[in-house]
């Protein structure tokens, strides 16, 4: 047997998932594993149904009785109907794994991913941050109202690169930006372990290859802001990718869509 991390799902107030049967991702997939983090919330119970039987896992009730936060999990076969009841308050955070038959494996040991420990440290840091997670809910306390307006007024109009030339065209990109020389941030991707996660995820030869992250810009997209589909222009011969960190400010829309070889 082997497990494959599929998604991280966050259900906020009013969030739910109606009763359904999961779609197998392959001929050898036989079930799912749901791991629920001990974030304060009410509602969001997981209900499983099969051949007239029903089981309910209500982590919110267990958390209110527990003296320490603990991980909860549920594993079920692919023909089991599952449902997430509406969340009343707080945020329900869960990881979903796909479970596969794996005849090549000599045992049933599920090996941890190389980035598991760094991810745990980053996630723990966020959970312990009173600003990021206050009473179980991500807080936009760092930038609110007048702060965001003042920041927007400080920003320059964002350009984009094409053939090594910066172009200003608000029919293609509409946003504000600050170059790294014009602001400072306490957010440190190295201290949080994000560079270790990226290295372990993206690089095959981890012993010889080094990865460094260079703060490039702060981008601010207000109402009506957008950036049309494009491929980033490398800023140097050894640049191989981009990391985008999105802060928990209240907004609607602005999803980041990635496309590659027919996948999205």
Protein backbone atom coordinates (compact mmCIF):
# COMPACT_ATOMS: atom_id res chain seq x y z
CA UNK A 1 0.00 0.00 0.00
CA UNK A 2 1.14 3.54 -0.68
CA UNK A 3 -0.33 6.95 0.10
CA UNK A 4 -0.22 10.05 -2.10
CA UNK A 5 -0.88 13.53 -0.75
CA UNK A 6 -3.75 14.99 -2.77
CA UNK A 7 -4.93 18.26 -1.24
CA UNK A 8 -5.04 20.59 1.73
CA UNK A 9 -8.67 21.68 2.25
CA UNK A 10 -9.82 24.61 4.41
CA UNK A 11 -13.49 25.01 5.27
CA UNK A 12 -14.39 28.41 6.73
CA UNK A 13 -17.71 29.56 8.25
CA UNK A 14 -20.53 28.23 6.04
CA UNK A 15 -18.18 25.86 4.21
CA UNK A 16 -19.42 22.35 3.43
CA UNK A 17 -19.22 19.44 0.95
CA UNK A 18 -22.45 17.67 0.04
CA UNK A 19 -22.68 13.86 0.12
CA UNK A 20 -20.67 12.28 -2.69
CA UNK A 21 -18.48 9.33 -3.61
CA UNK A 22 -14.85 10.19 -4.35
CA UNK A 23 -13.61 9.65 -7.90
CA UNK A 24 -10.69 7.14 -8.00
CA UNK A 25 -7.52 8.73 -9.44
CA UNK A 26 -6.28 5.43 -10.86
CA UNK A 27 -7.15 1.76 -11.34
CA UNK A 28 -5.11 0.84 -8.24
CA UNK A 29 -6.64 3.49 -5.94
CA UNK A 30 -8.87 1.88 -3.31
CA UNK A 31 -9.58 4.57 -0.71
CA UNK A 32 -8.87 7.89 0.97
CA UNK A 33 -7.26 9.08 4.18
CA UNK A 34 -8.39 12.37 5.73
CA UNK A 35 -6.16 13.96 8.40
CA UNK A 36 -7.74 16.78 10.41
CA UNK A 37 -5.67 19.37 12.27
CA UNK A 38 -6.72 20.59 15.74
CA UNK A 39 -7.80 24.09 14.71
CA UNK A 40 -10.63 25.56 16.82
CA UNK A 41 -13.92 25.34 14.95
CA UNK A 42 -17.56 24.34 15.34
CA UNK A 43 -19.39 22.08 12.90
CA UNK A 44 -17.71 20.55 9.86
CA UNK A 45 -18.28 16.93 10.97
CA UNK A 46 -17.25 14.20 8.51
CA UNK A 47 -20.13 11.80 7.79
CA UNK A 48 -19.48 8.42 6.12
CA UNK A 49 -22.24 6.19 4.71
CA UNK A 50 -22.13 2.70 3.20
CA UNK A 51 -24.84 0.09 2.60
CA UNK A 52 -27.23 1.63 5.12
CA UNK A 53 -24.63 2.23 7.85
CA UNK A 54 -23.50 5.71 8.93
CA UNK A 55 -20.51 6.99 10.93
CA UNK A 56 -19.84 10.57 12.09
CA UNK A 57 -16.45 12.03 13.03
CA UNK A 58 -16.95 15.38 14.78
CA UNK A 59 -13.46 16.66 15.60
CA UNK A 60 -14.79 20.00 16.85
CA UNK A 61 -16.54 18.31 19.78
CA UNK A 62 -13.46 16.25 20.62
CA UNK A 63 -11.25 19.36 20.56
CA UNK A 64 -13.45 21.22 23.06
CA UNK A 65 -13.05 18.33 25.52
CA UNK A 66 -9.35 17.66 24.93
CA UNK A 67 -6.70 19.26 27.14
CA UNK A 68 -4.18 19.21 24.26
CA UNK A 69 -4.66 19.50 20.52
CA UNK A 70 -4.47 16.18 18.70
CA UNK A 71 -4.58 15.00 15.11
CA UNK A 72 -7.71 13.12 14.01
CA UNK A 73 -7.96 10.93 10.93
CA UNK A 74 -10.41 8.76 9.01
CA UNK A 75 -9.67 6.20 6.27
CA UNK A 76 -12.37 4.75 4.04
CA UNK A 77 -12.81 2.79 0.81
CA UNK A 78 -13.59 4.54 -2.47
CA UNK A 79 -17.19 3.25 -2.61
CA UNK A 80 -18.05 4.92 0.71
CA UNK A 81 -20.15 8.08 0.52
CA UNK A 82 -18.68 10.99 2.45
CA UNK A 83 -20.01 14.40 3.42
CA UNK A 84 -18.67 17.44 5.29
CA UNK A 85 -21.40 19.18 7.28
CA UNK A 86 -21.46 23.02 7.35
CA UNK A 87 -18.86 24.76 9.49
CA UNK A 88 -20.52 27.13 11.98
CA UNK A 89 -17.44 29.02 13.14
CA UNK A 90 -13.64 28.87 12.92
CA UNK A 91 -11.72 27.01 10.25
CA UNK A 92 -11.57 23.26 9.59
CA UNK A 93 -8.19 22.30 8.11
CA UNK A 94 -7.62 18.84 6.62
CA UNK A 95 -5.17 16.95 4.44
CA UNK A 96 -6.49 14.35 1.99
CA UNK A 97 -4.39 11.40 0.85
CA UNK A 98 -5.21 8.93 -1.93
CA UNK A 99 -4.58 5.28 -0.99
CA UNK A 100 -3.26 2.84 -3.61
CA UNK A 101 -2.45 -0.84 -3.84
CA UNK A 102 1.30 -1.18 -4.37
CA UNK A 103 2.52 -4.71 -5.07
CA UNK A 104 6.09 -3.51 -5.46
CA UNK A 105 6.24 -2.67 -1.77
CA UNK A 106 7.35 -5.48 0.50
CA UNK A 107 5.49 -4.08 3.50
CA UNK A 108 2.70 -1.72 4.41
CA UNK A 109 4.93 1.02 5.78
CA UNK A 110 3.91 4.52 4.69
CA UNK A 111 7.12 6.46 4.42
CA UNK A 112 7.16 10.11 5.37
CA UNK A 113 7.90 12.70 2.72
CA UNK A 114 11.32 14.38 2.91
CA UNK A 115 9.64 17.76 3.44
CA UNK A 116 7.34 16.56 6.23
CA UNK A 117 9.36 17.98 9.14
CA UNK A 118 9.93 21.43 7.56
CA UNK A 119 6.25 21.59 6.61
CA UNK A 120 5.28 20.73 10.17
CA UNK A 121 7.50 23.53 11.50
CA UNK A 122 6.03 26.08 9.08
CA UNK A 123 2.47 25.03 9.82
CA UNK A 124 3.14 25.03 13.57
CA UNK A 125 4.55 28.56 13.30
CA UNK A 126 1.40 29.74 11.55
CA UNK A 127 -0.90 28.04 14.08
CA UNK A 128 1.01 29.62 16.97
CA UNK A 129 0.90 33.10 15.41
CA UNK A 130 -1.79 35.08 17.22
CA UNK A 131 -2.16 37.38 14.24
CA UNK A 132 -2.43 34.67 11.59
CA UNK A 133 -4.75 32.46 13.64
CA UNK A 134 -6.89 34.22 16.23
CA UNK A 135 -9.67 32.11 17.77
CA UNK A 136 -9.27 29.59 14.97
CA UNK A 137 -9.63 32.05 12.11
CA UNK A 138 -6.98 33.57 9.83
CA UNK A 139 -6.87 37.26 10.63
CA UNK A 140 -6.20 40.18 8.28
CA UNK A 141 -5.01 42.11 11.32
CA UNK A 142 -1.69 43.17 9.79
CA UNK A 143 -3.26 45.10 6.94
CA UNK A 144 -6.75 46.49 7.43
CA UNK A 145 -8.77 49.31 5.91
CA UNK A 146 -6.68 52.48 6.03
CA UNK A 147 -3.43 50.44 6.04
CA UNK A 148 -4.24 48.76 2.73
CA UNK A 149 -5.39 52.05 1.24
CA UNK A 150 -2.17 53.75 2.32
CA UNK A 151 -0.12 50.88 0.91
CA UNK A 152 -1.97 51.05 -2.40
CA UNK A 153 -1.30 54.78 -2.64
CA UNK A 154 2.41 54.15 -2.02
CA UNK A 155 2.73 51.53 -4.75
CA UNK A 156 3.94 52.23 -8.25
CA UNK A 157 1.99 50.98 -11.24
CA UNK A 158 3.12 47.41 -11.97
CA UNK A 159 4.89 46.64 -15.20
CA UNK A 160 5.79 43.27 -16.72
CA UNK A 161 8.83 41.96 -18.57
CA UNK A 162 8.89 41.05 -22.24
CA UNK A 163 12.10 40.39 -24.17
CA UNK A 164 14.10 41.88 -21.28
CA UNK A 165 12.06 45.12 -21.44
CA UNK A 166 9.67 46.37 -18.72
CA UNK A 167 6.32 47.19 -20.28
CA UNK A 168 3.46 49.22 -18.81
CA UNK A 169 0.11 48.12 -20.21
CA UNK A 170 -2.94 48.07 -17.91
CA UNK A 171 -4.96 46.10 -20.48
CA UNK A 172 -2.52 43.23 -19.79
CA UNK A 173 -1.70 43.79 -16.12
CA UNK A 174 -3.42 46.03 -13.62
CA UNK A 175 -1.77 46.09 -10.20
CA UNK A 176 0.42 48.05 -7.84
CA UNK A 177 3.97 47.09 -6.86
CA UNK A 178 6.86 47.98 -4.61
CA UNK A 179 10.40 46.94 -5.48
CA UNK A 180 12.32 45.19 -2.70
CA UNK A 181 14.51 48.28 -2.23
CA UNK A 182 11.44 50.27 -1.13
CA UNK A 183 10.15 48.14 1.75
CA UNK A 184 11.17 45.68 4.47
CA UNK A 185 9.43 42.55 5.79
CA UNK A 186 9.91 40.28 8.81
CA UNK A 187 8.62 37.33 6.77
CA UNK A 188 11.70 35.12 6.27
CA UNK A 189 11.30 32.09 3.99
CA UNK A 190 14.61 30.61 5.22
CA UNK A 191 13.76 30.78 8.92
CA UNK A 192 10.29 29.31 8.29
CA UNK A 193 11.82 26.36 6.43
CA UNK A 194 10.16 27.09 3.09
CA UNK A 195 13.45 26.92 1.19
CA UNK A 196 14.06 23.44 2.63
CA UNK A 197 10.61 22.32 1.47
CA UNK A 198 11.22 23.72 -2.01
CA UNK A 199 14.67 22.12 -2.26
CA UNK A 200 13.38 18.70 -1.21
CA UNK A 201 10.38 18.97 -3.53
CA UNK A 202 12.06 20.31 -6.66
CA UNK A 203 15.68 19.16 -6.66
CA UNK A 204 16.85 15.62 -7.31
CA UNK A 205 20.46 15.99 -6.16
CA UNK A 206 19.94 17.60 -2.76
CA UNK A 207 23.54 17.09 -1.66
CA UNK A 208 25.12 19.24 -4.34
CA UNK A 209 22.49 21.74 -5.38
CA UNK A 210 21.82 24.88 -3.41
CA UNK A 211 18.69 27.00 -3.47
CA UNK A 212 18.42 30.63 -2.55
CA UNK A 213 15.36 32.87 -2.48
CA UNK A 214 15.65 36.55 -3.36
CA UNK A 215 12.84 38.92 -2.41
CA UNK A 216 11.79 40.57 -5.64
CA UNK A 217 8.56 42.55 -5.27
CA UNK A 218 5.46 43.25 -3.27
CA UNK A 219 2.43 43.14 -5.57
CA UNK A 220 -0.95 44.56 -4.63
CA UNK A 221 -4.07 43.79 -6.67
CA UNK A 222 -7.11 45.91 -5.85
CA UNK A 223 -10.68 45.68 -7.20
CA UNK A 224 -10.47 44.98 -10.94
CA UNK A 225 -6.78 44.08 -10.73
CA UNK A 226 -5.49 41.18 -12.81
CA UNK A 227 -2.49 39.78 -14.70
CA UNK A 228 -3.13 37.93 -17.94
CA UNK A 229 -1.55 34.55 -18.66
CA UNK A 230 2.23 34.86 -19.10
CA UNK A 231 5.53 33.11 -18.49
CA UNK A 232 7.88 34.90 -16.09
CA UNK A 233 11.07 36.33 -17.56
CA UNK A 234 14.19 34.85 -15.84
CA UNK A 235 16.23 37.59 -14.21
CA UNK A 236 19.50 35.63 -14.36
CA UNK A 237 21.02 32.52 -15.95
CA UNK A 238 20.67 30.54 -12.69
CA UNK A 239 17.06 31.55 -11.98
CA UNK A 240 14.76 28.55 -12.38
CA UNK A 241 11.43 29.51 -10.80
CA UNK A 242 9.28 31.77 -8.64
CA UNK A 243 7.76 31.59 -5.16
CA UNK A 244 4.57 33.57 -4.50
CA UNK A 245 3.56 34.17 -0.87
CA UNK A 246 -0.01 35.44 -0.42
CA UNK A 247 -0.93 37.20 2.83
CA UNK A 248 -4.32 36.65 4.56
CA UNK A 249 -6.03 39.91 3.63
CA UNK A 250 -9.78 39.88 3.07
CA UNK A 251 -10.58 39.82 -0.66
CA UNK A 252 -12.69 38.02 -3.24
CA UNK A 253 -11.31 36.74 -6.56
CA UNK A 254 -7.66 37.04 -7.55
CA UNK A 255 -7.04 33.29 -7.86
CA UNK A 256 -3.62 32.24 -9.17
CA UNK A 257 -3.96 29.89 -12.17
CA UNK A 258 -0.95 27.85 -13.33
CA UNK A 259 -0.84 26.12 -16.74
CA UNK A 260 1.75 23.63 -18.01
CA UNK A 261 1.60 21.08 -20.83
CA UNK A 262 -2.18 20.94 -20.88
CA UNK A 263 -2.57 20.79 -17.11
CA UNK A 264 -4.02 23.51 -14.89
